[in-house]
Amino acid sequence: MKRSLSLFSLTLALTLGVVLTIGAPHLASAQKKDDPVLARVNGVEIRQSDLDIAEADVGPSLQVAEPAARKEALLAYLIDLTALAQAASAKKLEAAPDFAARMAYAKNKVLMEALLSDVSKTASTEAEMKKLYDESVAKTQPEEEVRARHILLKTEAEANDVIAKLKGGADFEKLAREISTDPSAKTNGGDLEYFTKGQMVAEFSEAAFKLNKGQISAPVKTQFGFHVIKVEDKRKKPVPKYEEVKEQVQAFVVRKAQAELVMKTRADAKIENLLKKDAPTPPPAKADPKKK
C-alpha cells in the first residue's frame, strides 16, 4: 500500500533540470606498478589492468558477486576474447570492408567514455556537492508526516466491532497482531511508520491526516478492505542529512557536468546533419483565371 516517493529527490531533479544520462565507466589505467600477469593465450599476456577494463565494460552484467568467483569469470571472458581475436586475425578478418569503420567507432566510444569519466572526477568535488545539497534543502518545502497504525479487516461490521473493543480499553497493537488481515501486522502490530500524504492511497491518507495524535478513526474503506487507523504522531518531515544522500547528490552533479559538456561540445563543433534537410519550398499558387 505504501508508495516510495522522495520529495528531496524530486527537488534535486527540479533544481538540476537535467534529464540526460550518460554512462561513463571509470577506465582502468594500463600503467600500473602492480600489474601482474594473470594468464597467457598463445604467448599473449593478460594482466590485472586488462581485467580492470573488462570489469568496467562487462562487469555490470555479471551475476556473480563473490570476489574470487567474479575475478575467475572475468578472466575466463578475457581468455576467450583473446583466443577468438587471435583466430579472427589468423583468418585476416581485419581486411573485411567494415573492419576499419568498426574500429574507428570503438575508438571514438572509448575516447568519449574517457572524457566523460574525466569530467565526472573533476566535477564531483566536495564543495560542488555541498553547494547542490544546500540549494536543494533551501528549495524543499517542509511536508507534514503522520505515523500511524492500522488494523485491516474484510467488512465494515468487523471494523466497527474492533472500534468498540478499542473504546473498551483493548490494546491497538495487540489487536492488530491478532486479527488484522495485513500480513505484516503479525510482526509490526500494524505500524506503518512515518508517511506523507502521497505515500498512501487517497482514502487512507485523507482519514489519517484529519486525526489528531492518539485518535482512532471510523472505518475507512479502500481497495484493500476496511481500515481502523490510530495516529501515533505528527511532525514535519525532516530533511535528510548530507551524508545520507551524498551518493545521490554526487550522481546528480556528475550527470549535470556530463550533460553540460555534451551540449557545449556540440555547440562548438561544426556539424552538418544531412538527414535534416529543409522542407521543399511549395510551388507558387496559380493565378485564378476568373479573377482579373
C-alpha atoms as a PDB file:
ATOM      1  CA  MET A   1       0.000   0.000   0.000  1.00  0.00           C
ATOM      2  CA  LYS A   2       2.900   2.325   0.703  1.00  0.00           C
ATOM      3  CA  ARG A   3       4.422   4.037  -2.327  1.00  0.00           C
ATOM      4  CA  SER A   4       8.029   5.235  -2.424  1.00  0.00           C
ATOM      5  CA  LEU A   5       8.327   8.959  -3.025  1.00  0.00           C
ATOM      6  CA  SER A   6      11.204  11.218  -2.027  1.00  0.00           C
ATOM      7  CA  LEU A   7      10.407  14.915  -2.096  1.00  0.00           C
ATOM      8  CA  PHE A   8      14.072  15.672  -1.592  1.00  0.00           C
ATOM      9  CA  SER A   9      14.975  13.586  -4.675  1.00  0.00           C
ATOM     10  CA  LEU A  10      12.321  15.357  -6.693  1.00  0.00           C
ATOM     11  CA  THR A  11      13.612  18.755  -5.579  1.00  0.00           C
ATOM     12  CA  LEU A  12      17.115  17.751  -6.571  1.00  0.00           C
ATOM     13  CA  ALA A  13      15.900  16.795 -10.027  1.00  0.00           C
ATOM     14  CA  LEU A  14      13.994  20.046 -10.462  1.00  0.00           C
ATOM     15  CA  THR A  15      16.980  22.040  -9.237  1.00  0.00           C
ATOM     16  CA  LEU A  16      19.188  20.480 -11.888  1.00  0.00           C
ATOM     17  CA  GLY A  17      16.685  20.368 -14.715  1.00  0.00           C
ATOM     18  CA  VAL A  18      18.818  17.704 -16.374  1.00  0.00           C
ATOM     19  CA  VAL A  19      17.312  14.631 -17.991  1.00  0.00           C
ATOM     20  CA  LEU A  20      20.317  13.456 -19.980  1.00  0.00           C
ATOM     21  CA  THR A  21      22.111  10.451 -18.525  1.00  0.00           C
ATOM     22  CA  ILE A  22      25.386   9.282 -19.987  1.00  0.00           C
ATOM     23  CA  GLY A  23      27.226   6.309 -18.573  1.00  0.00           C
ATOM     24  CA  ALA A  24      30.962   6.750 -18.296  1.00  0.00           C
ATOM     25  CA  PRO A  25      32.768   3.844 -16.643  1.00  0.00           C
ATOM     26  CA  HIS A  26      35.954   4.616 -14.784  1.00  0.00           C
ATOM     27  CA  LEU A  27      38.589   3.416 -17.233  1.00  0.00           C
ATOM     28  CA  ALA A  28      41.424   1.450 -15.696  1.00  0.00           C
ATOM     29  CA  SER A  29      44.969   2.636 -16.208  1.00  0.00           C
ATOM     30  CA  ALA A  30      47.185   0.161 -18.023  1.00  0.00           C
ATOM     31  CA  GLN A  31      50.277   1.765 -16.475  1.00  0.00           C
ATOM     32  CA  LYS A  32      50.244   0.218 -13.022  1.00  0.00           C
ATOM     33  CA  LYS A  33      53.273  -0.607 -10.930  1.00  0.00           C
ATOM     34  CA  ASP A  34      51.450  -3.662  -9.592  1.00  0.00           C
ATOM     35  CA  ASP A  35      50.081  -5.196 -12.779  1.00  0.00           C
ATOM     36  CA  PRO A  36      50.621  -8.953 -12.566  1.00  0.00           C
ATOM     37  CA  VAL A  37      50.179 -11.349 -15.480  1.00  0.00           C
ATOM     38  CA  LEU A  38      47.072 -13.451 -14.847  1.00  0.00           C
ATOM     39  CA  ALA A  39      47.084 -15.660 -17.946  1.00  0.00           C
ATOM     40  CA  ARG A  40      48.679 -16.159 -21.352  1.00  0.00           C
ATOM     41  CA  VAL A  41      46.960 -17.119 -24.577  1.00  0.00           C
ATOM     42  CA  ASN A  42      49.409 -18.332 -27.232  1.00  0.00           C
ATOM     43  CA  GLY A  43      52.045 -16.208 -25.539  1.00  0.00           C
ATOM     44  CA  VAL A  44      49.891 -13.050 -25.281  1.00  0.00           C
ATOM     45  CA  GLU A  45      49.727 -11.816 -21.704  1.00  0.00           C
ATOM     46  CA  ILE A  46      46.520 -10.909 -19.889  1.00  0.00           C
ATOM     47  CA  ARG A  47      47.238  -8.581 -16.966  1.00  0.00           C
ATOM     48  CA  GLN A  48      45.303  -7.233 -13.993  1.00  0.00           C
ATOM     49  CA  SER A  49      44.854  -3.938 -15.862  1.00  0.00           C
ATOM     50  CA  ASP A  50      43.067  -5.845 -18.649  1.00  0.00           C
ATOM     51  CA  LEU A  51      40.802  -7.378 -16.021  1.00  0.00           C
ATOM     52  CA  ASP A  52      40.011  -3.908 -14.656  1.00  0.00           C
ATOM     53  CA  ILE A  53      38.974  -2.733 -18.124  1.00  0.00           C
ATOM     54  CA  ALA A  54      36.781  -5.825 -18.568  1.00  0.00           C
ATOM     55  CA  GLU A  55      35.183  -5.138 -15.175  1.00  0.00           C
ATOM     56  CA  ALA A  56      34.235  -1.622 -16.297  1.00  0.00           C
ATOM     57  CA  ASP A  57      32.905  -2.937 -19.609  1.00  0.00           C
ATOM     58  CA  VAL A  58      31.021  -6.159 -18.839  1.00  0.00           C
ATOM     59  CA  GLY A  59      31.157  -6.281 -15.037  1.00  0.00           C
ATOM     60  CA  PRO A  60      27.713  -4.706 -14.501  1.00  0.00           C
ATOM     61  CA  SER A  61      26.091  -7.578 -16.419  1.00  0.00           C
ATOM     62  CA  LEU A  62      27.771 -10.308 -14.346  1.00  0.00           C
ATOM     63  CA  GLN A  63      25.518 -12.197 -11.967  1.00  0.00           C
ATOM     64  CA  VAL A  64      28.484 -13.270  -9.824  1.00  0.00           C
ATOM     65  CA  ALA A  65      29.009 -11.253  -6.631  1.00  0.00           C
ATOM     66  CA  GLU A  66      31.663 -13.218  -4.721  1.00  0.00           C
ATOM     67  CA  PRO A  67      35.031 -11.504  -5.494  1.00  0.00           C
ATOM     68  CA  ALA A  68      37.127 -14.593  -6.285  1.00  0.00           C
ATOM     69  CA  ALA A  69      34.421 -16.138  -8.493  1.00  0.00           C
ATOM     70  CA  ARG A  70      33.871 -12.782 -10.203  1.00  0.00           C
ATOM     71  CA  LYS A  71      37.579 -12.473 -10.979  1.00  0.00           C
ATOM     72  CA  GLU A  72      37.594 -16.003 -12.430  1.00  0.00           C
ATOM     73  CA  ALA A  73      34.570 -15.218 -14.610  1.00  0.00           C
ATOM     74  CA  LEU A  74      36.165 -12.036 -15.963  1.00  0.00           C
ATOM     75  CA  LEU A  75      39.436 -13.803 -16.650  1.00  0.00           C
ATOM     76  CA  ALA A  76      37.622 -16.611 -18.488  1.00  0.00           C
ATOM     77  CA  TYR A  77      35.898 -13.953 -20.590  1.00  0.00           C
ATOM     78  CA  LEU A  78      39.235 -12.303 -21.426  1.00  0.00           C
ATOM     79  CA  ILE A  79      40.843 -15.630 -22.310  1.00  0.00           C
ATOM     80  CA  ASP A  80      38.008 -16.403 -24.733  1.00  0.00           C
ATOM     81  CA  LEU A  81      38.103 -12.859 -26.085  1.00  0.00           C
ATOM     82  CA  THR A  82      41.851 -13.046 -26.730  1.00  0.00           C
ATOM     83  CA  ALA A  83      41.743 -16.523 -28.268  1.00  0.00           C
ATOM     84  CA  LEU A  84      38.837 -15.624 -30.553  1.00  0.00           C
ATOM     85  CA  ALA A  85      40.503 -12.366 -31.586  1.00  0.00           C
ATOM     86  CA  GLN A  86      43.647 -14.290 -32.489  1.00  0.00           C
ATOM     87  CA  ALA A  87      41.598 -16.772 -34.518  1.00  0.00           C
ATOM     88  CA  ALA A  88      39.849 -13.918 -36.325  1.00  0.00           C
ATOM     89  CA  SER A  89      43.200 -12.281 -37.081  1.00  0.00           C
ATOM     90  CA  ALA A  90      44.547 -15.572 -38.458  1.00  0.00           C
ATOM     91  CA  LYS A  91      41.641 -15.563 -40.917  1.00  0.00           C
ATOM     92  CA  LYS A  92      42.594 -11.971 -41.862  1.00  0.00           C
ATOM     93  CA  LEU A  93      39.176 -10.662 -40.855  1.00  0.00           C
ATOM     94  CA  GLU A  94      40.790  -7.262 -40.345  1.00  0.00           C
ATOM     95  CA  ALA A  95      40.549  -6.978 -44.117  1.00  0.00           C
ATOM     96  CA  ALA A  96      36.736  -7.057 -44.004  1.00  0.00           C
ATOM     97  CA  PRO A  97      35.228  -3.937 -45.638  1.00  0.00           C
ATOM     98  CA  ASP A  98      33.630  -2.654 -42.399  1.00  0.00           C
ATOM     99  CA  PHE A  99      36.507  -3.503 -40.035  1.00  0.00           C
ATOM    100  CA  ALA A 100      38.157  -0.088 -40.159  1.00  0.00           C
ATOM    101  CA  ALA A 101      34.818   1.649 -39.599  1.00  0.00           C
ATOM    102  CA  ARG A 102      34.033  -0.580 -36.606  1.00  0.00           C
ATOM    103  CA  MET A 103      37.483   0.067 -35.130  1.00  0.00           C
ATOM    104  CA  ALA A 104      37.006   3.816 -35.574  1.00  0.00           C
ATOM    105  CA  TYR A 105      33.620   3.595 -33.836  1.00  0.00           C
ATOM    106  CA  ALA A 106      35.158   1.626 -30.938  1.00  0.00           C
ATOM    107  CA  LYS A 107      37.993   4.160 -30.605  1.00  0.00           C
ATOM    108  CA  ASN A 108      35.561   7.082 -30.577  1.00  0.00           C
ATOM    109  CA  LYS A 109      33.426   5.358 -27.948  1.00  0.00           C
ATOM    110  CA  VAL A 110      36.407   4.737 -25.660  1.00  0.00           C
ATOM    111  CA  LEU A 111      37.597   8.333 -26.096  1.00  0.00           C
ATOM    112  CA  MET A 112      34.104   9.638 -25.305  1.00  0.00           C
ATOM    113  CA  GLU A 113      33.922   7.495 -22.171  1.00  0.00           C
ATOM    114  CA  ALA A 114      37.388   8.634 -21.088  1.00  0.00           C
ATOM    115  CA  LEU A 115      36.385  12.291 -21.443  1.00  0.00           C
ATOM    116  CA  LEU A 116      33.108  11.805 -19.578  1.00  0.00           C
ATOM    117  CA  SER A 117      34.926   9.905 -16.842  1.00  0.00           C
ATOM    118  CA  ASP A 118      37.459  12.717 -16.586  1.00  0.00           C
ATOM    119  CA  VAL A 119      34.794  15.423 -16.238  1.00  0.00           C
ATOM    120  CA  SER A 120      32.999  13.253 -13.659  1.00  0.00           C
ATOM    121  CA  LYS A 121      36.080  13.216 -11.442  1.00  0.00           C
ATOM    122  CA  THR A 122      36.679  16.962 -11.686  1.00  0.00           C
ATOM    123  CA  ALA A 123      33.007  17.892 -11.255  1.00  0.00           C
ATOM    124  CA  SER A 124      32.147  15.877  -8.160  1.00  0.00           C
ATOM    125  CA  THR A 125      34.140  17.915  -5.669  1.00  0.00           C
ATOM    126  CA  GLU A 126      33.010  18.131  -2.060  1.00  0.00           C
ATOM    127  CA  ALA A 127      32.371  21.866  -2.462  1.00  0.00           C
ATOM    128  CA  GLU A 128      30.166  21.410  -5.539  1.00  0.00           C
ATOM    129  CA  MET A 129      28.200  18.569  -3.962  1.00  0.00           C
ATOM    130  CA  LYS A 130      27.658  20.511  -0.735  1.00  0.00           C
ATOM    131  CA  LYS A 131      26.528  23.550  -2.747  1.00  0.00           C
ATOM    132  CA  LEU A 132      23.926  21.485  -4.621  1.00  0.00           C
ATOM    133  CA  TYR A 133      22.729  19.911  -1.357  1.00  0.00           C
ATOM    134  CA  ASP A 134      22.313  23.317   0.314  1.00  0.00           C
ATOM    135  CA  GLU A 135      20.421  24.699  -2.712  1.00  0.00           C
ATOM    136  CA  SER A 136      18.102  21.692  -2.711  1.00  0.00           C
ATOM    137  CA  VAL A 137      17.450  21.961   1.022  1.00  0.00           C
ATOM    138  CA  ALA A 138      16.584  25.647   0.614  1.00  0.00           C
ATOM    139  CA  LYS A 139      14.001  24.777  -2.061  1.00  0.00           C
ATOM    140  CA  THR A 140      12.476  21.876  -0.124  1.00  0.00           C
ATOM    141  CA  GLN A 141       9.099  22.783   1.381  1.00  0.00           C
ATOM    142  CA  PRO A 142       8.503  21.097   4.767  1.00  0.00           C
ATOM    143  CA  GLU A 143       5.947  18.287   4.425  1.00  0.00           C
ATOM    144  CA  GLU A 144       3.702  17.008   7.170  1.00  0.00           C
ATOM    145  CA  GLU A 145       4.141  13.376   8.130  1.00  0.00           C
ATOM    146  CA  VAL A 146       1.949  11.071  10.150  1.00  0.00           C
ATOM    147  CA  ARG A 147       2.957   7.941  11.996  1.00  0.00           C
ATOM    148  CA  ALA A 148       0.004   5.581  12.257  1.00  0.00           C
ATOM    149  CA  ARG A 149      -1.030   2.032  12.973  1.00  0.00           C
ATOM    150  CA  HIS A 150      -3.886   0.296  11.236  1.00  0.00           C
ATOM    151  CA  ILE A 151      -5.974  -2.837  11.515  1.00  0.00           C
ATOM    152  CA  LEU A 152      -7.191  -4.145   8.163  1.00  0.00           C
ATOM    153  CA  LEU A 153     -10.476  -6.084   8.053  1.00  0.00           C
ATOM    154  CA  LYS A 154     -12.724  -7.555   5.388  1.00  0.00           C
ATOM    155  CA  THR A 155     -16.027  -5.945   6.369  1.00  0.00           C
ATOM    156  CA  GLU A 156     -17.286  -2.713   7.890  1.00  0.00           C
ATOM    157  CA  ALA A 157     -19.069  -4.694  10.606  1.00  0.00           C
ATOM    158  CA  GLU A 158     -15.748  -6.238  11.691  1.00  0.00           C
ATOM    159  CA  ALA A 159     -14.165  -2.768  11.710  1.00  0.00           C
ATOM    160  CA  ASN A 160     -16.945  -1.379  13.923  1.00  0.00           C
ATOM    161  CA  ASP A 161     -16.541  -4.339  16.286  1.00  0.00           C
ATOM    162  CA  VAL A 162     -12.796  -3.565  16.594  1.00  0.00           C
ATOM    163  CA  ILE A 163     -13.539   0.099  17.319  1.00  0.00           C
ATOM    164  CA  ALA A 164     -15.908  -0.936  20.111  1.00  0.00           C
ATOM    165  CA  LYS A 165     -13.194  -3.135  21.641  1.00  0.00           C
ATOM    166  CA  LEU A 166     -10.689  -0.284  21.449  1.00  0.00           C
ATOM    167  CA  LYS A 167     -13.125   2.078  23.179  1.00  0.00           C
ATOM    168  CA  GLY A 168     -13.459  -0.566  25.847  1.00  0.00           C
ATOM    169  CA  GLY A 169      -9.743  -0.460  26.542  1.00  0.00           C
ATOM    170  CA  ALA A 170      -8.327  -3.103  24.182  1.00  0.00           C
ATOM    171  CA  ASP A 171      -4.711  -2.621  23.109  1.00  0.00           C
ATOM    172  CA  PHE A 172      -4.476  -1.484  19.462  1.00  0.00           C
ATOM    173  CA  GLU A 173      -1.129  -3.124  18.729  1.00  0.00           C
ATOM    174  CA  LYS A 174      -2.212  -6.442  20.280  1.00  0.00           C
ATOM    175  CA  LEU A 175      -5.440  -6.475  18.264  1.00  0.00           C
ATOM    176  CA  ALA A 176      -3.548  -5.678  15.056  1.00  0.00           C
ATOM    177  CA  ARG A 177      -1.254  -8.657  15.598  1.00  0.00           C
ATOM    178  CA  GLU A 178      -4.177 -10.965  16.310  1.00  0.00           C
ATOM    179  CA  ILE A 179      -6.852 -10.056  13.748  1.00  0.00           C
ATOM    180  CA  SER A 180      -5.520  -7.729  11.036  1.00  0.00           C
ATOM    181  CA  THR A 181      -5.585  -9.234   7.543  1.00  0.00           C
ATOM    182  CA  ASP A 182      -2.456  -7.248   6.664  1.00  0.00           C
ATOM    183  CA  PRO A 183       0.280  -9.950   6.863  1.00  0.00           C
ATOM    184  CA  SER A 184       2.900  -7.510   8.146  1.00  0.00           C
ATOM    185  CA  ALA A 185       0.747  -6.707  11.197  1.00  0.00           C
ATOM    186  CA  LYS A 186       1.734 -10.053  12.743  1.00  0.00           C
ATOM    187  CA  THR A 187       5.240  -8.691  13.273  1.00  0.00           C
ATOM    188  CA  ASN A 188       4.843  -4.906  13.424  1.00  0.00           C
ATOM    189  CA  GLY A 189       1.469  -4.561  15.139  1.00  0.00           C
ATOM    190  CA  GLY A 190       0.069  -2.559  12.229  1.00  0.00           C
ATOM    191  CA  ASP A 191       2.789   0.114  12.445  1.00  0.00           C
ATOM    192  CA  LEU A 192       3.121   1.982   9.124  1.00  0.00           C
ATOM    193  CA  GLU A 193       5.883   4.263  10.439  1.00  0.00           C
ATOM    194  CA  TYR A 194       6.002   7.851   9.141  1.00  0.00           C
ATOM    195  CA  PHE A 195       4.420   8.658   5.777  1.00  0.00           C
ATOM    196  CA  THR A 196       3.362  11.709   3.760  1.00  0.00           C
ATOM    197  CA  LYS A 197       0.001  12.146   2.047  1.00  0.00           C
ATOM    198  CA  GLY A 198       1.293  10.993  -1.304  1.00  0.00           C
ATOM    199  CA  GLN A 199       2.614   7.708   0.023  1.00  0.00           C
ATOM    200  CA  MET A 200      -0.755   6.149   0.805  1.00  0.00           C
ATOM    201  CA  VAL A 201      -3.932   5.621  -1.173  1.00  0.00           C
ATOM    202  CA  ALA A 202      -6.104   8.742  -1.129  1.00  0.00           C
ATOM    203  CA  GLU A 203      -8.895   7.490   1.164  1.00  0.00           C
ATOM    204  CA  PHE A 204      -6.423   6.274   3.783  1.00  0.00           C
ATOM    205  CA  SER A 205      -4.335   9.470   3.721  1.00  0.00           C
ATOM    206  CA  GLU A 206      -7.367  11.734   3.931  1.00  0.00           C
ATOM    207  CA  ALA A 207      -8.619   9.967   7.046  1.00  0.00           C
ATOM    208  CA  ALA A 208      -5.213   9.674   8.738  1.00  0.00           C
ATOM    209  CA  PHE A 209      -4.243  13.314   8.289  1.00  0.00           C
ATOM    210  CA  LYS A 210      -7.555  14.535   9.753  1.00  0.00           C
ATOM    211  CA  LEU A 211      -6.903  12.714  13.030  1.00  0.00           C
ATOM    212  CA  ASN A 212      -5.019  14.196  15.943  1.00  0.00           C
ATOM    213  CA  LYS A 213      -2.312  12.337  17.801  1.00  0.00           C
ATOM    214  CA  GLY A 214      -3.841   9.448  19.757  1.00  0.00           C
ATOM    215  CA  GLN A 215      -7.191   9.480  17.900  1.00  0.00           C
ATOM    216  CA  ILE A 216      -8.779   6.431  16.268  1.00  0.00           C
ATOM    217  CA  SER A 217     -10.707   6.644  13.001  1.00  0.00           C
ATOM    218  CA  ALA A 218     -14.101   5.373  11.967  1.00  0.00           C
ATOM    219  CA  PRO A 219     -13.919   2.516   9.410  1.00  0.00           C
ATOM    220  CA  VAL A 220     -12.042   3.666   6.293  1.00  0.00           C
ATOM    221  CA  LYS A 221     -12.780   1.806   3.073  1.00  0.00           C
ATOM    222  CA  THR A 222     -10.030   1.381   0.458  1.00  0.00           C
ATOM    223  CA  GLN A 223      -9.330  -1.113  -2.305  1.00  0.00           C
ATOM    224  CA  PHE A 224      -7.699  -3.341   0.332  1.00  0.00           C
ATOM    225  CA  GLY A 225     -10.674  -3.567   2.708  1.00  0.00           C
ATOM    226  CA  PHE A 226     -11.742  -1.650   5.815  1.00  0.00           C
ATOM    227  CA  HIS A 227      -9.131   0.041   7.996  1.00  0.00           C
ATOM    228  CA  VAL A 228      -9.200   1.189  11.597  1.00  0.00           C
ATOM    229  CA  ILE A 229      -6.463   3.807  11.938  1.00  0.00           C
ATOM    230  CA  LYS A 230      -4.729   5.146  15.030  1.00  0.00           C
ATOM    231  CA  VAL A 231      -2.414   8.171  14.704  1.00  0.00           C
ATOM    232  CA  GLU A 232       0.693   7.750  16.859  1.00  0.00           C
ATOM    233  CA  ASP A 233       2.468  11.005  15.970  1.00  0.00           C
ATOM    234  CA  LYS A 234       2.567  14.003  13.612  1.00  0.00           C
ATOM    235  CA  ARG A 235       5.624  16.001  12.535  1.00  0.00           C
ATOM    236  CA  LYS A 236       7.288  17.958   9.743  1.00  0.00           C
ATOM    237  CA  LYS A 237       9.306  15.605   7.567  1.00  0.00           C
ATOM    238  CA  PRO A 238      12.994  16.029   8.421  1.00  0.00           C
ATOM    239  CA  VAL A 239      15.383  16.863   5.588  1.00  0.00           C
ATOM    240  CA  PRO A 240      17.935  14.057   5.104  1.00  0.00           C
ATOM    241  CA  LYS A 241      21.447  14.849   6.272  1.00  0.00           C
ATOM    242  CA  TYR A 242      24.135  15.462   3.678  1.00  0.00           C
ATOM    243  CA  GLU A 243      25.953  12.209   4.432  1.00  0.00           C
ATOM    244  CA  GLU A 244      22.722  10.250   3.950  1.00  0.00           C
ATOM    245  CA  VAL A 245      22.232  11.485   0.378  1.00  0.00           C
ATOM    246  CA  LYS A 246      25.844  12.161  -0.615  1.00  0.00           C
ATOM    247  CA  GLU A 247      25.945   9.409  -3.253  1.00  0.00           C
ATOM    248  CA  GLN A 248      22.686  10.642  -4.771  1.00  0.00           C
ATOM    249  CA  VAL A 249      23.965  14.232  -4.837  1.00  0.00           C
ATOM    250  CA  GLN A 250      27.197  13.078  -6.469  1.00  0.00           C
ATOM    251  CA  ALA A 251      25.250  11.272  -9.194  1.00  0.00           C
ATOM    252  CA  PHE A 252      23.314  14.472  -9.979  1.00  0.00           C
ATOM    253  CA  VAL A 253      26.478  16.587 -10.050  1.00  0.00           C
ATOM    254  CA  VAL A 254      28.179  14.153 -12.423  1.00  0.00           C
ATOM    255  CA  ARG A 255      25.128  13.927 -14.678  1.00  0.00           C
ATOM    256  CA  LYS A 256      24.869  17.701 -14.836  1.00  0.00           C
ATOM    257  CA  ALA A 257      28.555  18.121 -15.689  1.00  0.00           C
ATOM    258  CA  GLN A 258      28.357  15.450 -18.397  1.00  0.00           C
ATOM    259  CA  ALA A 259      25.252  16.990 -19.938  1.00  0.00           C
ATOM    260  CA  GLU A 260      26.813  20.462 -19.972  1.00  0.00           C
ATOM    261  CA  LEU A 261      29.971  19.074 -21.591  1.00  0.00           C
ATOM    262  CA  VAL A 262      27.979  17.323 -24.310  1.00  0.00           C
ATOM    263  CA  MET A 263      25.905  20.432 -25.045  1.00  0.00           C
ATOM    264  CA  LYS A 264      28.969  22.721 -25.128  1.00  0.00           C
ATOM    265  CA  THR A 265      30.944  20.324 -27.324  1.00  0.00           C
ATOM    266  CA  ARG A 266      28.017  20.024 -29.694  1.00  0.00           C
ATOM    267  CA  ALA A 267      27.595  23.818 -29.824  1.00  0.00           C
ATOM    268  CA  ASP A 268      31.293  24.395 -30.520  1.00  0.00           C
ATOM    269  CA  ALA A 269      31.521  21.764 -33.259  1.00  0.00           C
ATOM    270  CA  LYS A 270      30.801  22.445 -36.903  1.00  0.00           C
ATOM    271  CA  ILE A 271      28.073  19.881 -37.548  1.00  0.00           C
ATOM    272  CA  GLU A 272      26.450  19.127 -40.869  1.00  0.00           C
ATOM    273  CA  ASN A 273      23.447  16.876 -40.330  1.00  0.00           C
ATOM    274  CA  LEU A 274      22.484  15.803 -43.826  1.00  0.00           C
ATOM    275  CA  LEU A 275      19.375  13.993 -42.613  1.00  0.00           C
ATOM    276  CA  LYS A 276      17.849  17.290 -41.508  1.00  0.00           C
ATOM    277  CA  LYS A 277      17.148  18.856 -44.856  1.00  0.00           C
ATOM    278  CA  ASP A 278      14.944  21.887 -45.209  1.00  0.00           C
ATOM    279  CA  ALA A 279      11.424  21.118 -46.314  1.00  0.00           C
ATOM    280  CA  PRO A 280      10.965  21.789 -50.059  1.00  0.00           C
ATOM    281  CA  THR A 281       9.573  25.207 -50.868  1.00  0.00           C
ATOM    282  CA  PRO A 282       5.934  24.876 -52.002  1.00  0.00           C
ATOM    283  CA  PRO A 283       5.273  25.964 -55.590  1.00  0.00           C
ATOM    284  CA  PRO A 284       3.652  29.385 -56.009  1.00  0.00           C
ATOM    285  CA  ALA A 285      -0.139  29.373 -56.172  1.00  0.00           C
ATOM    286  CA  LYS A 286      -1.550  29.512 -59.686  1.00  0.00           C
ATOM    287  CA  ALA A 287      -3.465  32.643 -60.578  1.00  0.00           C
ATOM    288  CA  ASP A 288      -7.218  32.204 -60.808  1.00  0.00           C
ATOM    289  CA  PRO A 289      -8.121  32.930 -64.460  1.00  0.00           C
ATOM    290  CA  LYS A 290     -11.573  34.066 -63.350  1.00  0.00           C
ATOM    291  CA  LYS A 291     -10.037  36.893 -61.316  1.00  0.00           C
ATOM    292  CA  LYS A 292      -8.697  39.924 -63.105  1.00  0.00           C
END
